[in-house]
């Protein structure tokens, strides 16, 4: 799928629900916390651990971030392009 298609699908799922930066940070923290909990591997959480669960959380970060870029008025494709350039420069 292309980024624009993912953005449109996200808008269909969450119509009229634009988040501000503070709200985005909280939502991102929740997903990041779920990934941290997975890595912590506490006995009480083992029942939830599976490849599918980790894939879901990583997918949530990718899919939601595309929408959050748009929520803040940024073009997600431009944001991705900037990130790619920065990572290439960092690697050199």
C-alpha atoms as a PDB file:
ATOM      1  CA  UNK A   1       0.000   0.000   0.000  1.00  0.00           C
ATOM      2  CA  UNK A   2       1.093   3.535  -0.643  1.00  0.00           C
ATOM      3  CA  UNK A   3       1.398   6.093   2.143  1.00  0.00           C
ATOM      4  CA  UNK A   4      -1.537   8.127   0.793  1.00  0.00           C
ATOM      5  CA  UNK A   5      -3.766   5.024   0.816  1.00  0.00           C
ATOM      6  CA  UNK A   6      -2.747   4.269   4.402  1.00  0.00           C
ATOM      7  CA  UNK A   7      -3.513   7.861   5.391  1.00  0.00           C
ATOM      8  CA  UNK A   8      -6.947   7.695   3.779  1.00  0.00           C
ATOM      9  CA  UNK A   9      -7.681   4.398   5.495  1.00  0.00           C
ATOM     10  CA  UNK A  10      -6.627   5.875   8.848  1.00  0.00           C
ATOM     11  CA  UNK A  11      -8.941   8.825   8.306  1.00  0.00           C
ATOM     12  CA  UNK A  12     -11.792   6.425   7.531  1.00  0.00           C
ATOM     13  CA  UNK A  13     -11.197   4.540  10.773  1.00  0.00           C
ATOM     14  CA  UNK A  14     -10.841   7.727  12.861  1.00  0.00           C
ATOM     15  CA  UNK A  15     -13.058  10.291  11.059  1.00  0.00           C
ATOM     16  CA  UNK A  16     -12.762  13.833  12.359  1.00  0.00           C
ATOM     17  CA  UNK A  17     -10.450  12.724  15.173  1.00  0.00           C
ATOM     18  CA  UNK A  18      -7.367  14.922  14.707  1.00  0.00           C
ATOM     19  CA  UNK A  19      -4.950  14.796  17.619  1.00  0.00           C
ATOM     20  CA  UNK A  20      -2.669  17.561  18.835  1.00  0.00           C
ATOM     21  CA  UNK A  21       0.967  16.935  19.740  1.00  0.00           C
ATOM     22  CA  UNK A  22       0.209  16.310  23.424  1.00  0.00           C
ATOM     23  CA  UNK A  23      -2.399  13.696  22.544  1.00  0.00           C
ATOM     24  CA  UNK A  24      -0.078  12.070  20.007  1.00  0.00           C
ATOM     25  CA  UNK A  25       2.674  11.776  22.622  1.00  0.00           C
ATOM     26  CA  UNK A  26       0.283  10.002  25.007  1.00  0.00           C
ATOM     27  CA  UNK A  27      -0.926   7.585  22.295  1.00  0.00           C
ATOM     28  CA  UNK A  28       2.625   6.892  21.135  1.00  0.00           C
ATOM     29  CA  UNK A  29       3.686   6.331  24.739  1.00  0.00           C
ATOM     30  CA  UNK A  30       0.957   3.736  25.159  1.00  0.00           C
ATOM     31  CA  UNK A  31       2.105   1.717  22.153  1.00  0.00           C
ATOM     32  CA  UNK A  32       5.778   2.131  23.094  1.00  0.00           C
ATOM     33  CA  UNK A  33       4.908   0.964  26.612  1.00  0.00           C
ATOM     34  CA  UNK A  34       3.257  -2.151  25.182  1.00  0.00           C
ATOM     35  CA  UNK A  35       6.467  -2.939  23.276  1.00  0.00           C
ATOM     36  CA  UNK A  36       8.544  -2.309  26.415  1.00  0.00           C
ATOM     37  CA  UNK A  37       6.275  -4.633  28.392  1.00  0.00           C
ATOM     38  CA  UNK A  38       6.794  -7.282  25.718  1.00  0.00           C
ATOM     39  CA  UNK A  39      10.586  -6.957  26.067  1.00  0.00           C
ATOM     40  CA  UNK A  40      10.481  -6.869  29.882  1.00  0.00           C
ATOM     41  CA  UNK A  41       8.977 -10.345  29.657  1.00  0.00           C
ATOM     42  CA  UNK A  42       7.376 -10.339  33.105  1.00  0.00           C
ATOM     43  CA  UNK A  43       5.650 -13.561  34.084  1.00  0.00           C
ATOM     44  CA  UNK A  44       2.252 -11.806  34.303  1.00  0.00           C
ATOM     45  CA  UNK A  45       2.551 -10.670  30.670  1.00  0.00           C
ATOM     46  CA  UNK A  46       3.799 -13.909  29.102  1.00  0.00           C
ATOM     47  CA  UNK A  47       0.303 -15.017  28.181  1.00  0.00           C
ATOM     48  CA  UNK A  48       0.064 -12.007  25.810  1.00  0.00           C
ATOM     49  CA  UNK A  49       3.430 -12.537  24.125  1.00  0.00           C
ATOM     50  CA  UNK A  50       3.361 -13.750  20.563  1.00  0.00           C
ATOM     51  CA  UNK A  51       4.818 -12.720  17.233  1.00  0.00           C
ATOM     52  CA  UNK A  52       1.342 -11.513  16.267  1.00  0.00           C
ATOM     53  CA  UNK A  53       1.174  -9.204  19.301  1.00  0.00           C
ATOM     54  CA  UNK A  54       4.564  -7.650  18.562  1.00  0.00           C
ATOM     55  CA  UNK A  55       3.729  -7.273  14.863  1.00  0.00           C
ATOM     56  CA  UNK A  56       0.455  -5.576  15.848  1.00  0.00           C
ATOM     57  CA  UNK A  57       2.221  -3.040  18.064  1.00  0.00           C
ATOM     58  CA  UNK A  58       4.891  -2.261  15.450  1.00  0.00           C
ATOM     59  CA  UNK A  59       2.121  -1.890  12.871  1.00  0.00           C
ATOM     60  CA  UNK A  60       0.254   0.451  15.215  1.00  0.00           C
ATOM     61  CA  UNK A  61       3.298   2.726  15.368  1.00  0.00           C
ATOM     62  CA  UNK A  62       3.680   2.773  11.584  1.00  0.00           C
ATOM     63  CA  UNK A  63      -0.004   3.150  10.722  1.00  0.00           C
ATOM     64  CA  UNK A  64      -0.830   5.698  13.415  1.00  0.00           C
ATOM     65  CA  UNK A  65       2.259   7.841  12.802  1.00  0.00           C
ATOM     66  CA  UNK A  66       1.203   8.367   9.196  1.00  0.00           C
ATOM     67  CA  UNK A  67      -2.101   9.796  10.433  1.00  0.00           C
ATOM     68  CA  UNK A  68      -0.437  11.809  13.200  1.00  0.00           C
ATOM     69  CA  UNK A  69       1.842  13.543  10.681  1.00  0.00           C
ATOM     70  CA  UNK A  70      -1.275  14.649   8.839  1.00  0.00           C
ATOM     71  CA  UNK A  71      -3.008  15.637  12.093  1.00  0.00           C
ATOM     72  CA  UNK A  72      -0.161  18.094  12.707  1.00  0.00           C
ATOM     73  CA  UNK A  73      -0.388  19.468   9.158  1.00  0.00           C
ATOM     74  CA  UNK A  74       2.646  17.615   7.784  1.00  0.00           C
ATOM     75  CA  UNK A  75       2.848  15.506   4.651  1.00  0.00           C
ATOM     76  CA  UNK A  76       3.683  11.973   5.847  1.00  0.00           C
ATOM     77  CA  UNK A  77       5.676  11.233   2.679  1.00  0.00           C
ATOM     78  CA  UNK A  78       7.791  14.338   3.247  1.00  0.00           C
ATOM     79  CA  UNK A  79       8.384  13.344   6.876  1.00  0.00           C
ATOM     80  CA  UNK A  80       9.492   9.876   5.769  1.00  0.00           C
ATOM     81  CA  UNK A  81      11.790  11.374   3.140  1.00  0.00           C
ATOM     82  CA  UNK A  82      13.418  13.637   5.723  1.00  0.00           C
ATOM     83  CA  UNK A  83      13.914  10.678   8.060  1.00  0.00           C
ATOM     84  CA  UNK A  84      15.503   8.584   5.288  1.00  0.00           C
ATOM     85  CA  UNK A  85      17.914  11.408   4.422  1.00  0.00           C
ATOM     86  CA  UNK A  86      18.857  11.884   8.080  1.00  0.00           C
ATOM     87  CA  UNK A  87      19.480   8.175   8.606  1.00  0.00           C
ATOM     88  CA  UNK A  88      21.654   8.015   5.486  1.00  0.00           C
ATOM     89  CA  UNK A  89      23.700  10.995   6.708  1.00  0.00           C
ATOM     90  CA  UNK A  90      23.996   9.510  10.197  1.00  0.00           C
ATOM     91  CA  UNK A  91      25.206   6.188   8.778  1.00  0.00           C
ATOM     92  CA  UNK A  92      28.038   7.869   6.827  1.00  0.00           C
END
